[in-house]
Amino acid sequence: MDFRDLLSPSTKRHLQLVEAIYYSPDGAASSDQLLGVLACSMTSLLKDVKSINERQSNLQVIKYKGLYRLKAADHANIRSLYGDILSNSFEYKLIEELLYEESHGIVTMAERVFTSSSNVQRYLKRIEKVFKKTGIRLCYRPLRLEGDEMLIREFYHSYFIEKESGFEIRFPKLTQEQLLTVSKMIMNFLEVNEYRDRYLFQKDAVFRTIISLWRIKNGHSFPQSELRTNCLKSPTLEGLTAFKETVTKVFSLEVTDDVFRDINWRSFSDACVLNYAHQTQAIAENRKYGEMFEGHRFLVGQFNELMAHALNPSMIDEIARILTVYFYPFYKKKELIIDLRNPRKRFIEGLSKDYTSTTVKVFSLVQQFIEAYSFVPKEAVDYYVYLLVTLVKDSADIIELQNRKLHFLFIGDVMRLEEQHLVEYIRQSCHGNFELHQFEYRNHDDFDFWQEIKKYDGLITTCLVKNVPDSFPVAVIDALLPVQIIHKVQDLIETCLSDQK
């Protein structure tokens, strides 16, 4: 389920416009470039710019010297845009209202979001169509979502995490004091169960807890048969008392043992194992967890082979655990939940440019894994590549170093000290398994010169070199353009690696 599929065409276009400017190499785009991306008229482009500037508080589109640029408020970045879009989009306002289930019908919903009944009906049809593909049903009287409870809760978690970006924890209809009480209970629960990353986990867990409470309040419980009753410890009495009082006051619920497990369904369903003992029992007792964990151990083992066995067994197990936690909610599901920003897509685009051969290898590995195990949707390929490469420090560089070492001849028409600086800059800034050799002497005989160059895989030079065959890899660089140097040398490396195949 792609969050963008729930947006209106105009909001999608606004998002495309801002991203086209933000992700352009110079942070600026001409009218022609934007018209090409949006496939619209100049009149529509100007209207879109005006609409964005009226709606967005943290980001403005400005035109300077014929180019469109973005002007961000202090301490804001493009993440603010995605949060603002979710806050201002009528579709997502309706989806948030569906969590609370306080609208008996379309008329009541229209009054709550300050729009017409016909608009609500139109928006709900789009929402219903998108949700139906994932097995989630839009029901009426009261307006609500039913179906795959795990997927519904995961969807709302992704929504609130992207909408409420920032350090502080905020959630509609709860005060800061109430949120602090929830947060303290969660920290206590994680601490008694010896969960290591509890501070990083805190905001996620608070949102999941409140979403679960709303779902339970409205009669949508997580299947108790999928929640374990052993292995995990309850919070201390002190940590639980204030939480129970808050839940009773805000949600009119009594926190029984069953309700507590339902609230913390991620831990009690093994979607997130909290410690080594929990993981051991999950592997032994939960068929789904065991299947995914062993499958991911195999994948990480294959990835480890690409890195010449740089990972030890405990590191392989830890990465397999993280992958299992990440993909557990999507076991045998039709689709993943893809947020608006989708940073993985941008990361993969950059990776494929800078580490072409590595990207191809990891993609091939992941595609074979998904086809063999088939417990996640095929669209998960990008997610796996992103996680594997980022979970292991310098993994892309390690894989690159497994290629045959390339030897490049460097010929410069600059002063000796400047040439030495360029050579060191290339060695430090460009990645891959290569060595640079400086040319000490040139005979005036072109034939001998060509015979010397042929000993190397490629040529890097600051001057025009004649009588070199077109098929021979050459990078002609400008000593004054460091960014261009990196791009040209990286292209040369990838060309030589492709020729090896």
Protein backbone atom coordinates (compact mmCIF):
# COMPACT_ATOMS: atom_id res chain seq x y z
CA MET A 1 0.00 0.00 0.00
CA ASP A 2 1.62 3.20 -1.20
CA PHE A 3 0.64 6.31 0.77
CA ARG A 4 0.72 8.29 -2.49
CA ASP A 5 -2.14 6.22 -3.91
CA LEU A 6 -4.40 7.78 -1.28
CA LEU A 7 -3.60 11.36 -2.32
CA SER A 8 -5.64 13.47 -4.73
CA PRO A 9 -4.08 14.14 -8.18
CA SER A 10 -3.39 17.79 -7.27
CA THR A 11 -1.61 16.89 -4.01
CA LYS A 12 0.48 14.27 -5.83
CA ARG A 13 1.49 16.93 -8.36
CA HIS A 14 2.48 19.34 -5.57
CA LEU A 15 4.65 16.63 -4.07
CA GLN A 16 6.27 15.88 -7.43
CA LEU A 17 7.00 19.56 -7.98
CA VAL A 18 8.76 20.06 -4.64
CA GLU A 19 10.73 16.80 -4.96
CA ALA A 20 11.84 17.71 -8.50
CA ILE A 21 13.39 20.91 -7.12
CA TYR A 22 14.74 19.42 -3.89
CA TYR A 23 16.44 16.40 -5.46
CA SER A 24 17.87 18.22 -8.50
CA PRO A 25 21.72 18.32 -8.44
CA ASP A 26 21.88 22.08 -7.82
CA GLY A 27 18.73 22.35 -5.71
CA ALA A 28 17.07 24.36 -8.47
CA ALA A 29 14.96 23.64 -11.55
CA SER A 30 13.84 25.64 -14.57
CA SER A 31 10.24 25.99 -15.72
CA ASP A 32 10.92 23.64 -18.64
CA GLN A 33 12.30 20.97 -16.32
CA LEU A 34 9.27 21.17 -14.04
CA LEU A 35 6.83 21.17 -16.95
CA GLY A 36 8.52 18.01 -18.21
CA VAL A 37 8.22 16.28 -14.83
CA LEU A 38 4.62 17.34 -14.19
CA ALA A 39 3.40 17.09 -17.80
CA CYS A 40 1.22 20.17 -17.32
CA SER A 41 0.80 23.69 -18.73
CA MET A 42 2.60 26.81 -17.51
CA THR A 43 -0.68 28.06 -16.04
CA SER A 44 -1.07 24.87 -13.98
CA LEU A 45 2.54 25.13 -12.78
CA LEU A 46 2.03 28.69 -11.53
CA LYS A 47 -1.20 27.67 -9.78
CA ASP A 48 0.58 24.74 -8.11
CA VAL A 49 3.39 26.98 -6.85
CA LYS A 50 0.86 29.44 -5.43
CA SER A 51 -1.14 26.63 -3.79
CA ILE A 52 1.99 25.09 -2.20
CA ASN A 53 3.10 28.44 -0.77
CA GLU A 54 -0.36 29.07 0.69
CA ARG A 55 -0.59 25.64 2.33
CA GLN A 56 2.97 25.00 3.51
CA SER A 57 4.22 26.73 6.62
CA ASN A 58 7.79 25.36 6.64
CA LEU A 59 8.62 25.26 2.94
CA GLN A 60 8.17 27.87 0.19
CA VAL A 61 8.83 27.66 -3.56
CA ILE A 62 10.62 30.80 -4.78
CA LYS A 63 11.88 31.86 -8.21
CA TYR A 64 15.32 33.44 -8.42
CA LYS A 65 17.13 34.32 -11.66
CA GLY A 66 14.78 32.15 -13.71
CA LEU A 67 15.11 29.03 -11.52
CA TYR A 68 12.73 27.62 -8.93
CA ARG A 69 14.24 26.91 -5.52
CA LEU A 70 13.01 25.87 -2.08
CA LYS A 71 13.24 28.13 0.93
CA ALA A 72 12.88 26.23 4.21
CA ALA A 73 12.06 27.72 7.59
CA ASP A 74 14.76 27.55 10.27
CA HIS A 75 15.22 24.01 11.64
CA ALA A 76 12.98 22.53 8.90
CA ASN A 77 13.72 20.27 5.95
CA ILE A 78 11.78 18.32 3.35
CA ARG A 79 10.45 15.94 6.02
CA SER A 80 8.28 18.85 7.14
CA LEU A 81 6.65 18.78 3.70
CA TYR A 82 5.51 15.18 4.07
CA GLY A 83 4.14 15.86 7.54
CA ASP A 84 2.27 18.94 6.28
CA ILE A 85 0.80 17.00 3.36
CA LEU A 86 -0.54 14.31 5.69
CA SER A 87 -1.94 17.00 8.02
CA ASN A 88 -3.62 18.98 5.22
CA SER A 89 -4.82 16.14 2.98
CA PHE A 90 -8.57 15.53 3.30
CA GLU A 91 -8.02 11.84 2.52
CA TYR A 92 -5.72 11.44 5.51
CA LYS A 93 -7.94 13.55 7.74
CA LEU A 94 -10.71 11.06 7.02
CA ILE A 95 -8.39 8.10 7.63
CA GLU A 96 -7.40 9.53 11.02
CA GLU A 97 -11.07 10.01 11.89
CA LEU A 98 -11.65 6.34 11.00
CA LEU A 99 -9.29 5.40 13.85
CA TYR A 100 -11.43 7.20 16.44
CA GLU A 101 -14.75 5.92 15.00
CA GLU A 102 -16.66 8.97 16.24
CA SER A 103 -18.60 9.50 12.99
CA HIS A 104 -21.80 7.49 12.64
CA GLY A 105 -22.05 8.25 8.91
CA ILE A 106 -20.91 10.47 6.05
CA VAL A 107 -22.82 13.55 7.24
CA THR A 108 -21.21 13.42 10.69
CA MET A 109 -17.78 12.89 9.13
CA ALA A 110 -18.27 15.90 6.83
CA GLU A 111 -19.07 18.09 9.84
CA ARG A 112 -15.96 16.90 11.69
CA VAL A 113 -13.55 17.71 8.82
CA PHE A 114 -15.41 20.86 7.67
CA THR A 115 -16.27 19.83 4.12
CA SER A 116 -19.33 18.70 2.16
CA SER A 117 -20.89 15.24 2.28
CA SER A 118 -20.25 14.80 -1.45
CA ASN A 119 -16.53 15.47 -0.90
CA VAL A 120 -16.39 12.93 1.93
CA GLN A 121 -18.16 10.36 -0.23
CA ARG A 122 -15.69 10.93 -3.08
CA TYR A 123 -12.65 10.71 -0.80
CA LEU A 124 -13.96 7.57 0.92
CA LYS A 125 -14.37 5.83 -2.44
CA ARG A 126 -10.68 6.41 -3.21
CA ILE A 127 -9.69 5.21 0.27
CA GLU A 128 -11.89 2.12 -0.02
CA LYS A 129 -10.41 1.19 -3.40
CA VAL A 130 -6.80 1.37 -2.13
CA PHE A 131 -7.47 -0.47 1.14
CA LYS A 132 -9.43 -3.22 -0.58
CA LYS A 133 -6.27 -4.39 -2.39
CA THR A 134 -4.62 -5.16 0.96
CA GLY A 135 -7.53 -6.95 2.60
CA ILE A 136 -8.72 -4.00 4.71
CA ARG A 137 -12.44 -3.18 4.54
CA LEU A 138 -14.05 0.24 4.88
CA CYS A 139 -17.30 -0.21 6.81
CA TYR A 140 -20.17 2.21 7.51
CA ARG A 141 -22.32 3.09 10.52
CA PRO A 142 -20.05 3.82 12.22
CA LEU A 143 -17.37 4.57 9.65
CA ARG A 144 -14.45 2.27 10.49
CA LEU A 145 -11.73 -0.04 9.16
CA GLU A 146 -11.90 -3.80 9.63
CA GLY A 147 -9.90 -6.78 8.40
CA ASP A 148 -6.23 -7.60 8.97
CA GLU A 149 -5.71 -6.10 12.43
CA MET A 150 -1.91 -6.25 12.30
CA LEU A 151 -1.83 -4.44 8.96
CA ILE A 152 -4.32 -1.78 10.11
CA ARG A 153 -2.22 -0.99 13.17
CA GLU A 154 0.98 -0.94 11.11
CA PHE A 155 -0.63 1.45 8.64
CA TYR A 156 -1.65 3.90 11.36
CA HIS A 157 1.80 3.64 12.93
CA SER A 158 3.46 4.59 9.60
CA TYR A 159 0.98 7.45 9.20
CA PHE A 160 1.56 9.03 12.61
CA ILE A 161 5.33 8.53 12.52
CA GLU A 162 5.55 10.45 9.23
CA LYS A 163 2.98 13.05 10.21
CA GLU A 164 4.51 13.81 13.62
CA SER A 165 8.19 13.95 12.65
CA GLY A 166 10.48 15.53 15.24
CA PHE A 167 12.02 14.81 18.63
CA GLU A 168 8.92 15.50 20.69
CA ILE A 169 6.13 12.94 21.05
CA ARG A 170 2.69 14.30 20.12
CA PHE A 171 -0.56 12.49 19.50
CA PRO A 172 -4.07 13.92 18.92
CA LYS A 173 -6.54 13.86 21.81
CA LEU A 174 -3.86 13.18 24.46
CA THR A 175 -2.12 15.73 26.67
CA GLN A 176 1.64 15.83 27.16
CA GLU A 177 1.19 14.54 30.70
CA GLN A 178 -0.82 11.55 29.46
CA LEU A 179 1.77 10.83 26.76
CA LEU A 180 4.51 10.96 29.39
CA THR A 181 2.63 8.39 31.49
CA VAL A 182 2.36 6.06 28.48
CA SER A 183 6.04 6.61 27.70
CA LYS A 184 7.13 5.80 31.26
CA MET A 185 5.17 2.53 31.25
CA ILE A 186 6.76 1.51 27.95
CA MET A 187 10.26 2.33 29.16
CA ASN A 188 9.59 0.33 32.32
CA PHE A 189 8.30 -2.64 30.31
CA LEU A 190 11.31 -2.58 27.99
CA GLU A 191 13.73 -2.19 30.90
CA VAL A 192 12.42 -5.17 32.90
CA ASN A 193 12.65 -7.25 29.71
CA GLU A 194 16.22 -6.07 29.06
CA TYR A 195 15.52 -4.59 25.64
CA ARG A 196 18.73 -2.89 24.51
CA ASP A 197 17.53 -0.17 22.12
CA ARG A 198 14.68 1.07 24.28
CA TYR A 199 15.42 4.81 23.88
CA LEU A 200 15.38 4.57 20.08
CA PHE A 201 12.27 2.41 20.33
CA GLN A 202 10.37 4.80 22.61
CA LYS A 203 8.48 7.03 20.15
CA ASP A 204 7.52 4.07 17.95
CA ALA A 205 6.22 2.18 20.96
CA VAL A 206 4.20 5.15 22.29
CA PHE A 207 2.43 5.55 18.95
CA ARG A 208 1.78 1.82 18.66
CA THR A 209 0.37 1.72 22.19
CA ILE A 210 -2.08 4.58 21.61
CA ILE A 211 -3.17 3.20 18.22
CA SER A 212 -3.80 -0.18 19.86
CA LEU A 213 -5.82 1.46 22.65
CA TRP A 214 -8.08 3.20 20.13
CA ARG A 215 -8.58 -0.05 18.24
CA ILE A 216 -9.35 -2.00 21.43
CA LYS A 217 -11.70 0.73 22.68
CA ASN A 218 -13.67 0.43 19.43
CA GLY A 219 -13.92 -3.36 19.60
CA HIS A 220 -11.01 -4.40 17.36
CA SER A 221 -8.83 -6.74 19.39
CA PHE A 222 -5.69 -8.50 18.23
CA PRO A 223 -6.27 -12.29 18.03
CA GLN A 224 -5.39 -13.60 21.51
CA SER A 225 -4.34 -16.94 20.00
CA GLU A 226 -1.39 -15.16 18.37
CA LEU A 227 -0.18 -13.56 21.62
CA ARG A 228 2.14 -15.46 23.93
CA THR A 229 1.46 -15.70 27.67
CA ASN A 230 4.97 -16.69 28.76
CA CYS A 231 8.55 -15.42 28.53
CA LEU A 232 7.89 -11.66 28.92
CA LYS A 233 7.71 -9.83 32.25
CA SER A 234 5.09 -7.22 33.16
CA PRO A 235 6.10 -3.68 34.18
CA THR A 236 6.60 -2.95 37.86
CA LEU A 237 3.52 -2.02 39.91
CA GLU A 238 4.72 1.58 40.07
CA GLY A 239 5.12 1.76 36.28
CA LEU A 240 1.72 0.18 35.63
CA THR A 241 -0.53 1.98 38.14
CA ALA A 242 -0.40 5.48 36.59
CA PHE A 243 -0.77 3.96 33.11
CA LYS A 244 -3.93 2.05 34.10
CA GLU A 245 -5.46 5.22 35.53
CA THR A 246 -4.72 7.16 32.32
CA VAL A 247 -6.17 4.41 30.11
CA THR A 248 -9.35 4.27 32.19
CA LYS A 249 -9.72 8.06 32.04
CA VAL A 250 -9.01 8.54 28.31
CA PHE A 251 -10.23 5.28 26.77
CA SER A 252 -12.68 3.94 29.39
CA LEU A 253 -10.79 0.63 29.40
CA GLU A 254 -9.66 -1.65 32.21
CA VAL A 255 -6.09 -2.85 31.63
CA THR A 256 -6.41 -6.59 32.27
CA ASP A 257 -3.62 -9.05 31.41
CA ASP A 258 -5.29 -9.75 28.04
CA VAL A 259 -5.65 -6.03 27.28
CA PHE A 260 -2.01 -5.40 28.23
CA ARG A 261 -0.86 -8.10 25.81
CA ASP A 262 -3.15 -6.65 23.13
CA ILE A 263 -1.71 -3.16 23.68
CA ASN A 264 1.83 -4.57 23.35
CA TRP A 265 0.93 -6.95 20.54
CA ARG A 266 4.27 -6.41 18.76
CA SER A 267 6.19 -7.97 21.63
CA PHE A 268 3.65 -10.64 22.61
CA SER A 269 3.13 -11.78 18.99
CA ASP A 270 6.93 -12.04 18.47
CA ALA A 271 6.85 -9.30 15.83
CA CYS A 272 9.54 -7.66 17.97
CA VAL A 273 11.63 -9.94 20.19
CA LEU A 274 12.95 -8.13 23.26
CA ASN A 275 15.85 -10.30 24.42
CA TYR A 276 17.79 -13.49 23.69
CA ALA A 277 15.45 -15.75 25.72
CA HIS A 278 12.44 -14.30 23.90
CA GLN A 279 14.10 -14.93 20.53
CA THR A 280 14.97 -18.52 21.45
CA GLN A 281 11.36 -19.25 22.40
CA ALA A 282 10.01 -17.45 19.33
CA ILE A 283 12.16 -19.63 17.05
CA ALA A 284 11.09 -22.80 18.88
CA GLU A 285 7.36 -22.06 19.35
CA ASN A 286 6.34 -19.65 16.58
CA ARG A 287 6.42 -21.31 13.15
CA LYS A 288 6.13 -18.00 11.29
CA TYR A 289 8.95 -16.37 13.24
CA GLY A 290 11.16 -19.45 12.93
CA GLU A 291 10.63 -19.64 9.17
CA MET A 292 11.41 -15.95 8.65
CA PHE A 293 14.43 -15.93 10.98
CA GLU A 294 16.04 -18.98 9.35
CA GLY A 295 15.32 -17.57 5.89
CA HIS A 296 16.92 -14.28 6.83
CA ARG A 297 19.94 -16.07 8.33
CA PHE A 298 20.42 -17.73 4.96
CA LEU A 299 20.13 -14.37 3.15
CA VAL A 300 22.62 -12.66 5.47
CA GLY A 301 24.95 -15.64 5.07
CA GLN A 302 24.85 -15.18 1.29
CA PHE A 303 25.44 -11.45 1.74
CA ASN A 304 28.37 -12.30 4.02
CA GLU A 305 29.93 -14.34 1.21
CA LEU A 306 29.88 -11.24 -1.01
CA MET A 307 31.88 -9.50 1.74
CA ALA A 308 34.44 -12.33 2.00
CA HIS A 309 32.98 -13.46 5.37
CA ALA A 310 33.44 -10.13 7.18
CA LEU A 311 30.59 -10.96 9.62
CA ASN A 312 30.87 -13.35 12.56
CA PRO A 313 27.96 -15.71 13.50
CA SER A 314 26.55 -13.40 16.20
CA MET A 315 26.46 -10.47 13.75
CA ILE A 316 24.66 -12.64 11.19
CA ASP A 317 22.05 -13.58 13.82
CA GLU A 318 21.57 -9.95 14.85
CA ILE A 319 20.99 -8.75 11.27
CA ALA A 320 18.62 -11.70 10.66
CA ARG A 321 16.68 -10.65 13.79
CA ILE A 322 16.37 -7.05 12.57
CA LEU A 323 15.17 -8.17 9.13
CA THR A 324 12.62 -10.49 10.73
CA VAL A 325 11.29 -7.70 12.97
CA TYR A 326 11.02 -5.37 9.97
CA PHE A 327 9.16 -7.76 7.67
CA TYR A 328 7.18 -9.82 10.21
CA PRO A 329 3.94 -7.79 9.78
CA PHE A 330 4.06 -8.43 6.01
CA TYR A 331 4.39 -12.22 6.13
CA LYS A 332 2.46 -13.62 3.13
CA LYS A 333 0.88 -10.18 2.54
CA LYS A 334 0.12 -8.80 -0.92
CA GLU A 335 1.81 -5.43 -0.42
CA LEU A 336 4.16 -3.50 1.85
CA ILE A 337 3.27 -0.16 3.42
CA ILE A 338 5.25 2.53 1.57
CA ASP A 339 5.37 5.96 3.20
CA LEU A 340 5.35 9.26 1.31
CA ARG A 341 9.03 10.05 1.68
CA ASN A 342 10.29 6.55 0.86
CA PRO A 343 13.99 7.34 1.52
CA ARG A 344 14.96 3.83 0.43
CA LYS A 345 14.17 4.72 -3.18
CA ARG A 346 16.55 7.72 -3.13
CA PHE A 347 19.23 5.66 -1.38
CA ILE A 348 19.06 2.90 -3.99
CA GLU A 349 19.29 5.46 -6.82
CA GLY A 350 22.47 6.88 -5.30
CA LEU A 351 23.90 3.43 -4.55
CA SER A 352 23.36 2.24 -8.12
CA LYS A 353 25.26 5.26 -9.46
CA ASP A 354 28.23 5.05 -7.09
CA TYR A 355 28.41 1.27 -6.61
CA THR A 356 26.94 -0.15 -9.80
CA SER A 357 28.52 -3.61 -9.65
CA THR A 358 27.77 -3.99 -5.92
CA THR A 359 24.14 -2.93 -6.40
CA VAL A 360 23.69 -5.50 -9.18
CA LYS A 361 25.14 -8.27 -6.99
CA VAL A 362 23.00 -7.45 -3.94
CA PHE A 363 19.84 -7.01 -6.03
CA SER A 364 20.39 -10.39 -7.66
CA LEU A 365 20.94 -12.00 -4.25
CA VAL A 366 17.75 -10.50 -2.80
CA GLN A 367 15.60 -11.34 -5.84
CA GLN A 368 16.68 -14.99 -5.67
CA PHE A 369 15.92 -15.03 -1.94
CA ILE A 370 12.40 -13.58 -2.35
CA GLU A 371 11.57 -16.04 -5.12
CA ALA A 372 12.88 -18.99 -3.09
CA TYR A 373 11.18 -18.14 0.23
CA SER A 374 8.18 -16.09 -0.97
CA PHE A 375 7.09 -14.93 2.49
CA VAL A 376 7.24 -11.21 1.58
CA PRO A 377 5.90 -9.26 -1.44
CA LYS A 378 8.20 -8.95 -4.47
CA GLU A 379 8.26 -5.16 -4.04
CA ALA A 380 10.37 -5.71 -0.89
CA VAL A 381 13.56 -5.95 -2.99
CA ASP A 382 14.52 -2.29 -2.48
CA TYR A 383 13.86 -2.56 1.26
CA TYR A 384 16.11 -5.60 1.64
CA VAL A 385 18.94 -4.02 -0.38
CA TYR A 386 18.66 -0.83 1.68
CA LEU A 387 18.71 -2.69 5.01
CA LEU A 388 21.53 -5.07 4.13
CA VAL A 389 23.81 -2.31 2.88
CA THR A 390 23.08 0.10 5.75
CA LEU A 391 23.11 -2.43 8.61
CA VAL A 392 26.72 -3.40 7.89
CA LYS A 393 29.18 -0.53 8.07
CA ASP A 394 31.08 0.04 4.80
CA SER A 395 29.50 -3.07 3.28
CA ALA A 396 29.39 -1.58 -0.24
CA ASP A 397 33.10 -0.74 -0.06
CA ILE A 398 33.92 -4.21 1.29
CA ILE A 399 32.07 -5.86 -1.61
CA GLU A 400 33.79 -3.56 -4.10
CA LEU A 401 37.17 -4.64 -2.75
CA GLN A 402 36.39 -8.25 -3.68
CA ASN A 403 36.61 -7.30 -7.36
CA ARG A 404 39.93 -7.77 -9.17
CA LYS A 405 42.22 -4.83 -8.44
CA LEU A 406 42.22 -2.33 -11.30
CA HIS A 407 45.40 -0.48 -12.26
CA PHE A 408 45.07 3.00 -13.76
CA LEU A 409 47.80 5.11 -15.29
CA PHE A 410 47.68 8.80 -14.33
CA ILE A 411 49.13 11.34 -16.77
CA GLY A 412 48.97 15.02 -15.86
CA ASP A 413 50.02 18.23 -17.57
CA VAL A 414 50.13 20.12 -14.27
CA MET A 415 52.90 20.87 -11.80
CA ARG A 416 54.31 17.94 -9.84
CA LEU A 417 52.84 19.03 -6.49
CA GLU A 418 49.42 19.62 -8.05
CA GLU A 419 49.57 16.21 -9.71
CA GLN A 420 50.40 14.58 -6.37
CA HIS A 421 47.45 16.36 -4.78
CA LEU A 422 45.10 15.09 -7.51
CA VAL A 423 46.34 11.52 -7.13
CA GLU A 424 45.79 11.60 -3.36
CA TYR A 425 42.35 13.20 -3.80
CA ILE A 426 41.26 10.43 -6.18
CA ARG A 427 42.59 7.72 -3.86
CA GLN A 428 40.70 9.13 -0.88
CA SER A 429 37.47 10.25 -2.58
CA CYS A 430 36.78 7.42 -5.02
CA HIS A 431 35.86 3.92 -3.91
CA GLY A 432 36.68 0.56 -5.39
CA ASN A 433 39.60 -1.83 -5.59
CA PHE A 434 42.03 0.18 -7.71
CA GLU A 435 45.56 1.55 -7.72
CA LEU A 436 46.90 4.69 -9.40
CA HIS A 437 50.28 4.71 -11.11
CA GLN A 438 51.94 7.99 -12.04
CA PHE A 439 53.59 8.27 -15.44
CA GLU A 440 57.26 9.17 -15.01
CA TYR A 441 58.53 9.46 -18.59
CA ARG A 442 57.09 9.66 -22.08
CA ASN A 443 59.00 8.61 -25.15
CA HIS A 444 58.13 10.63 -28.26
CA ASP A 445 57.40 7.38 -30.08
CA ASP A 446 53.59 7.05 -30.03
CA PHE A 447 53.81 3.31 -30.57
CA ASP A 448 55.95 2.82 -27.45
CA PHE A 449 53.62 5.16 -25.57
CA TRP A 450 50.58 3.07 -26.50
CA GLN A 451 52.42 -0.14 -25.58
CA GLU A 452 53.07 1.35 -22.12
CA ILE A 453 49.42 2.37 -21.62
CA LYS A 454 48.17 -1.10 -22.63
CA LYS A 455 49.74 -2.51 -19.46
CA TYR A 456 46.98 -0.79 -17.44
CA ASP A 457 43.20 -1.19 -17.18
CA GLY A 458 42.52 2.45 -17.95
CA LEU A 459 43.91 5.95 -18.22
CA ILE A 460 43.19 9.04 -16.09
CA THR A 461 44.56 12.27 -17.49
CA THR A 462 44.24 16.05 -17.29
CA CYS A 463 45.21 16.51 -20.93
CA LEU A 464 44.07 15.42 -24.37
CA VAL A 465 45.79 12.17 -25.34
CA LYS A 466 45.87 11.24 -29.02
CA ASN A 467 46.30 7.87 -30.70
CA VAL A 468 44.51 5.97 -27.94
CA PRO A 469 41.86 3.58 -29.34
CA ASP A 470 38.23 4.54 -28.63
CA SER A 471 37.69 1.18 -26.95
CA PHE A 472 40.32 1.88 -24.29
CA PRO A 473 38.84 3.24 -21.01
CA VAL A 474 39.89 6.88 -20.48
CA ALA A 475 38.78 9.56 -18.00
CA VAL A 476 39.79 13.12 -18.93
CA ILE A 477 39.45 15.23 -15.78
CA ASP A 478 39.67 18.92 -14.92
CA ALA A 479 41.91 19.62 -11.94
CA LEU A 480 39.66 22.51 -10.85
CA LEU A 481 36.39 20.50 -10.73
CA PRO A 482 36.61 18.01 -7.81
CA VAL A 483 32.99 16.77 -8.07
CA GLN A 484 33.44 16.08 -11.79
CA ILE A 485 36.65 14.17 -11.01
CA ILE A 486 34.82 11.77 -8.67
CA HIS A 487 32.01 11.13 -11.18
CA LYS A 488 34.38 10.53 -14.09
CA VAL A 489 36.72 8.23 -12.17
CA GLN A 490 33.79 6.24 -10.72
CA ASP A 491 32.37 5.85 -14.23
CA LEU A 492 35.78 4.63 -15.39
CA ILE A 493 35.91 2.04 -12.58
CA GLU A 494 32.42 0.76 -13.38
CA THR A 495 33.25 0.60 -17.11
CA CYS A 496 36.33 -1.51 -16.41
CA LEU A 497 34.37 -3.83 -14.09
CA SER A 498 31.68 -4.26 -16.76
CA ASP A 499 34.35 -5.10 -19.35
CA GLN A 500 35.68 -7.83 -17.04
CA LYS A 501 32.33 -9.60 -17.24
